[in-house]
Amino acid sequence: MLLNLLGIALGILYIIGIWKFLAGFDRTNFTQNRIGLALLWPVLFIMNGNYRRNFTKALKG
């Protein structure tokens, strides 16, 4: 039961991250591959400092 709730919470967080990134994409330095960058946001956020800065810019809008 607890794992199900955790999975649902992580899924919701993932979807919110995609939505917020796409909504603020124009504030980033990126010019293309909008969908790919949005779908891979958790991995890129952890592994790439440039993406992390741009992701934060997108969310601040």
N, C-alpha and C. Protein backbone atom coordinates (compact mmCIF):
# COMPACT_ATOMS: atom_id res chain seq x y z
N MET A 1 0.82 -1.19 0.00
CA MET A 1 0.00 0.00 0.00
C MET A 1 0.87 1.26 0.00
N LEU A 2 1.89 1.29 0.87
CA LEU A 2 2.77 2.45 0.94
C LEU A 2 3.56 2.63 -0.35
N LEU A 3 4.00 1.51 -0.94
CA LEU A 3 4.73 1.61 -2.21
C LEU A 3 3.84 2.12 -3.32
N ASN A 4 2.57 1.74 -3.30
CA ASN A 4 1.63 2.24 -4.30
C ASN A 4 1.48 3.75 -4.19
N LEU A 5 1.35 4.24 -2.96
CA LEU A 5 1.21 5.68 -2.75
C LEU A 5 2.48 6.42 -3.16
N LEU A 6 3.63 5.83 -2.86
CA LEU A 6 4.89 6.44 -3.25
C LEU A 6 5.01 6.49 -4.77
N GLY A 7 4.62 5.42 -5.43
CA GLY A 7 4.65 5.39 -6.90
C GLY A 7 3.72 6.43 -7.51
N ILE A 8 2.55 6.57 -6.93
CA ILE A 8 1.60 7.57 -7.42
C ILE A 8 2.16 8.97 -7.20
N ALA A 9 2.74 9.22 -6.04
CA ALA A 9 3.31 10.53 -5.74
C ALA A 9 4.46 10.86 -6.70
N LEU A 10 5.33 9.90 -6.98
CA LEU A 10 6.44 10.12 -7.91
C LEU A 10 5.92 10.35 -9.33
N GLY A 11 4.88 9.63 -9.72
CA GLY A 11 4.28 9.83 -11.03
C GLY A 11 3.69 11.23 -11.18
N ILE A 12 3.03 11.69 -10.14
CA ILE A 12 2.45 13.03 -10.16
C ILE A 12 3.56 14.08 -10.23
N LEU A 13 4.62 13.89 -9.45
CA LEU A 13 5.76 14.81 -9.48
C LEU A 13 6.40 14.84 -10.87
N TYR A 14 6.53 13.70 -11.49
CA TYR A 14 7.10 13.60 -12.84
C TYR A 14 6.26 14.39 -13.83
N ILE A 15 4.95 14.21 -13.78
CA ILE A 15 4.05 14.90 -14.70
C ILE A 15 4.06 16.41 -14.45
N ILE A 16 4.08 16.82 -13.20
CA ILE A 16 4.14 18.25 -12.88
C ILE A 16 5.45 18.85 -13.39
N GLY A 17 6.55 18.12 -13.25
CA GLY A 17 7.84 18.60 -13.76
C GLY A 17 7.80 18.80 -15.27
N ILE A 18 7.20 17.86 -15.98
CA ILE A 18 7.07 17.99 -17.44
C ILE A 18 6.24 19.21 -17.78
N TRP A 19 5.09 19.35 -17.13
CA TRP A 19 4.18 20.44 -17.42
C TRP A 19 4.82 21.80 -17.15
N LYS A 20 5.48 21.94 -15.99
CA LYS A 20 6.11 23.21 -15.63
C LYS A 20 7.28 23.53 -16.57
N PHE A 21 8.06 22.51 -16.94
CA PHE A 21 9.18 22.75 -17.85
C PHE A 21 8.68 23.20 -19.21
N LEU A 22 7.66 22.55 -19.73
CA LEU A 22 7.12 22.93 -21.03
C LEU A 22 6.52 24.34 -20.99
N ALA A 23 5.88 24.67 -19.89
CA ALA A 23 5.27 26.00 -19.76
C ALA A 23 6.34 27.10 -19.71
N GLY A 24 7.50 26.82 -19.15
CA GLY A 24 8.56 27.81 -19.04
C GLY A 24 9.71 27.61 -20.00
N PHE A 25 9.52 26.78 -21.01
CA PHE A 25 10.60 26.44 -21.95
C PHE A 25 11.20 27.69 -22.60
N ASP A 26 10.40 28.69 -22.87
CA ASP A 26 10.89 29.90 -23.54
C ASP A 26 11.90 30.67 -22.69
N ARG A 27 11.92 30.45 -21.40
CA ARG A 27 12.87 31.13 -20.53
C ARG A 27 14.23 30.42 -20.46
N THR A 28 14.34 29.27 -21.08
CA THR A 28 15.61 28.52 -21.05
C THR A 28 16.49 28.93 -22.22
N ASN A 29 17.71 28.42 -22.24
CA ASN A 29 18.64 28.65 -23.35
C ASN A 29 18.47 27.62 -24.46
N PHE A 30 17.58 26.66 -24.26
CA PHE A 30 17.37 25.62 -25.26
C PHE A 30 16.52 26.14 -26.40
N THR A 31 16.79 25.63 -27.62
CA THR A 31 16.02 26.07 -28.78
C THR A 31 15.27 24.93 -29.46
N GLN A 32 15.63 23.70 -29.16
CA GLN A 32 14.97 22.58 -29.82
C GLN A 32 14.89 21.38 -28.88
N ASN A 33 14.22 20.33 -29.35
CA ASN A 33 14.04 19.08 -28.61
C ASN A 33 13.28 19.30 -27.30
N ARG A 34 12.25 20.11 -27.37
CA ARG A 34 11.43 20.46 -26.21
C ARG A 34 10.85 19.23 -25.52
N ILE A 35 10.26 18.33 -26.28
CA ILE A 35 9.60 17.15 -25.70
C ILE A 35 10.62 16.20 -25.08
N GLY A 36 11.71 15.95 -25.79
CA GLY A 36 12.74 15.06 -25.27
C GLY A 36 13.34 15.57 -23.97
N LEU A 37 13.61 16.86 -23.91
CA LEU A 37 14.16 17.45 -22.69
C LEU A 37 13.16 17.40 -21.54
N ALA A 38 11.89 17.55 -21.87
CA ALA A 38 10.85 17.49 -20.84
C ALA A 38 10.68 16.08 -20.30
N LEU A 39 10.68 15.10 -21.18
CA LEU A 39 10.47 13.72 -20.76
C LEU A 39 11.63 13.16 -19.95
N LEU A 40 12.83 13.62 -20.23
CA LEU A 40 14.02 13.11 -19.54
C LEU A 40 14.44 14.00 -18.37
N TRP A 41 13.57 14.89 -17.92
CA TRP A 41 13.98 15.88 -16.92
C TRP A 41 14.57 15.29 -15.64
N PRO A 42 14.08 14.19 -15.08
CA PRO A 42 14.69 13.73 -13.83
C PRO A 42 16.16 13.30 -14.01
N VAL A 43 16.43 12.60 -15.09
CA VAL A 43 17.80 12.12 -15.35
C VAL A 43 18.73 13.29 -15.65
N LEU A 44 18.27 14.18 -16.53
CA LEU A 44 19.09 15.33 -16.90
C LEU A 44 19.31 16.27 -15.73
N PHE A 45 18.31 16.43 -14.90
CA PHE A 45 18.43 17.31 -13.73
C PHE A 45 19.51 16.80 -12.78
N ILE A 46 19.58 15.51 -12.61
CA ILE A 46 20.57 14.92 -11.71
C ILE A 46 21.97 14.96 -12.31
N MET A 47 22.09 14.74 -13.62
CA MET A 47 23.39 14.51 -14.23
C MET A 47 24.01 15.72 -14.93
N ASN A 48 23.26 16.79 -15.16
CA ASN A 48 23.77 17.87 -16.00
C ASN A 48 23.52 19.22 -15.34
N GLY A 49 24.59 19.92 -15.00
CA GLY A 49 24.49 21.21 -14.34
C GLY A 49 23.83 22.27 -15.20
N ASN A 50 24.14 22.30 -16.49
CA ASN A 50 23.53 23.27 -17.40
C ASN A 50 22.02 23.04 -17.49
N TYR A 51 21.62 21.80 -17.60
CA TYR A 51 20.19 21.50 -17.65
C TYR A 51 19.52 21.90 -16.33
N ARG A 52 20.18 21.65 -15.21
CA ARG A 52 19.64 21.99 -13.90
C ARG A 52 19.37 23.49 -13.80
N ARG A 53 20.32 24.31 -14.28
CA ARG A 53 20.12 25.77 -14.25
C ARG A 53 18.95 26.18 -15.15
N ASN A 54 18.87 25.59 -16.33
CA ASN A 54 17.79 25.94 -17.25
C ASN A 54 16.44 25.43 -16.75
N PHE A 55 16.41 24.27 -16.14
CA PHE A 55 15.18 23.74 -15.58
C PHE A 55 14.67 24.68 -14.49
N THR A 56 15.58 25.16 -13.66
CA THR A 56 15.21 26.09 -12.60
C THR A 56 14.66 27.39 -13.19
N LYS A 57 15.28 27.89 -14.28
CA LYS A 57 14.77 29.08 -14.96
C LYS A 57 13.35 28.85 -15.45
N ALA A 58 13.11 27.70 -16.03
CA ALA A 58 11.79 27.38 -16.57
C ALA A 58 10.73 27.35 -15.47
N LEU A 59 11.08 26.83 -14.31
CA LEU A 59 10.11 26.72 -13.23
C LEU A 59 9.86 28.03 -12.50
N LYS A 60 10.77 28.97 -12.58
CA LYS A 60 10.62 30.23 -11.84
C LYS A 60 9.58 31.15 -12.44
N GLY A 61 9.17 30.94 -13.66
CA GLY A 61 8.24 31.82 -14.35
C GLY A 61 7.01 32.11 -13.60
